[in-house]
Amino acid sequence: MDHITELFCIFDDFCKKFNESLEKALISNQKT
């Protein structure tokens, strides 16, 4: 695997985790 593909995979994984935590934060904000 070349470095660019590796970087994109790591970045994509980070984006998924970030979006998940962002959604959870929005949901918890709406409850209060």
N, C-alpha and C. Protein backbone atom coordinates (compact mmCIF):
# COMPACT_ATOMS: atom_id res chain seq x y z
N MET A 1 0.84 -1.20 0.00
CA MET A 1 0.00 0.00 0.00
C MET A 1 0.89 1.26 0.00
N ASP A 2 0.61 2.18 -0.89
CA ASP A 2 1.42 3.39 -0.93
C ASP A 2 0.98 4.39 0.15
N HIS A 3 1.81 5.37 0.36
CA HIS A 3 1.60 6.29 1.49
C HIS A 3 0.32 7.10 1.34
N ILE A 4 0.00 7.51 0.11
CA ILE A 4 -1.19 8.33 -0.11
C ILE A 4 -2.45 7.54 0.23
N THR A 5 -2.52 6.30 -0.25
CA THR A 5 -3.68 5.46 0.05
C THR A 5 -3.79 5.21 1.54
N GLU A 6 -2.64 4.98 2.17
CA GLU A 6 -2.62 4.73 3.61
C GLU A 6 -3.15 5.95 4.36
N LEU A 7 -2.69 7.13 3.94
CA LEU A 7 -3.14 8.37 4.57
C LEU A 7 -4.64 8.55 4.43
N PHE A 8 -5.16 8.30 3.23
CA PHE A 8 -6.59 8.46 3.01
C PHE A 8 -7.41 7.49 3.85
N CYS A 9 -6.90 6.26 4.01
CA CYS A 9 -7.60 5.27 4.83
C CYS A 9 -7.64 5.72 6.28
N ILE A 10 -6.52 6.21 6.79
CA ILE A 10 -6.47 6.70 8.17
C ILE A 10 -7.39 7.91 8.32
N PHE A 11 -7.35 8.81 7.34
CA PHE A 11 -8.18 10.02 7.39
C PHE A 11 -9.65 9.67 7.33
N ASP A 12 -10.00 8.70 6.47
CA ASP A 12 -11.39 8.26 6.33
C ASP A 12 -11.88 7.64 7.63
N ASP A 13 -11.03 6.84 8.25
CA ASP A 13 -11.37 6.22 9.53
C ASP A 13 -11.57 7.29 10.59
N PHE A 14 -10.71 8.30 10.59
CA PHE A 14 -10.83 9.41 11.52
C PHE A 14 -12.13 10.17 11.29
N CYS A 15 -12.47 10.40 10.03
CA CYS A 15 -13.70 11.12 9.70
C CYS A 15 -14.93 10.36 10.19
N LYS A 16 -14.93 9.05 10.01
CA LYS A 16 -16.06 8.24 10.48
C LYS A 16 -16.21 8.35 11.99
N LYS A 17 -15.10 8.23 12.72
CA LYS A 17 -15.14 8.34 14.18
C LYS A 17 -15.60 9.73 14.59
N PHE A 18 -15.09 10.75 13.89
CA PHE A 18 -15.44 12.13 14.20
C PHE A 18 -16.93 12.38 13.96
N ASN A 19 -17.46 11.88 12.84
CA ASN A 19 -18.88 12.05 12.54
C ASN A 19 -19.76 11.35 13.56
N GLU A 20 -19.34 10.16 13.99
CA GLU A 20 -20.10 9.41 14.99
C GLU A 20 -20.17 10.18 16.30
N SER A 21 -19.04 10.68 16.78
CA SER A 21 -19.01 11.43 18.04
C SER A 21 -19.76 12.75 17.90
N LEU A 22 -19.71 13.34 16.71
CA LEU A 22 -20.44 14.58 16.47
C LEU A 22 -21.95 14.34 16.55
N GLU A 23 -22.41 13.25 15.93
CA GLU A 23 -23.83 12.90 15.98
C GLU A 23 -24.28 12.64 17.42
N LYS A 24 -23.46 11.91 18.19
CA LYS A 24 -23.79 11.63 19.58
C LYS A 24 -23.89 12.92 20.38
N ALA A 25 -22.99 13.86 20.11
CA ALA A 25 -23.00 15.14 20.81
C ALA A 25 -24.26 15.93 20.46
N LEU A 26 -24.65 15.91 19.19
CA LEU A 26 -25.86 16.62 18.78
C LEU A 26 -27.10 16.01 19.42
N ILE A 27 -27.15 14.68 19.48
CA ILE A 27 -28.29 13.99 20.08
C ILE A 27 -28.40 14.33 21.56
N SER A 28 -27.28 14.30 22.27
CA SER A 28 -27.30 14.60 23.71
C SER A 28 -27.63 16.07 23.95
N ASN A 29 -27.27 16.94 23.03
CA ASN A 29 -27.62 18.36 23.17
C ASN A 29 -29.11 18.58 23.00
N GLN A 30 -29.75 17.81 22.13
CA GLN A 30 -31.18 17.96 21.89
C GLN A 30 -32.00 17.46 23.07
N LYS A 31 -31.46 16.48 23.81
CA LYS A 31 -32.19 15.91 24.95
C LYS A 31 -32.34 16.92 26.08
N THR A 32 -31.33 17.75 26.31
CA THR A 32 -31.36 18.69 27.42
C THR A 32 -32.24 19.89 27.13
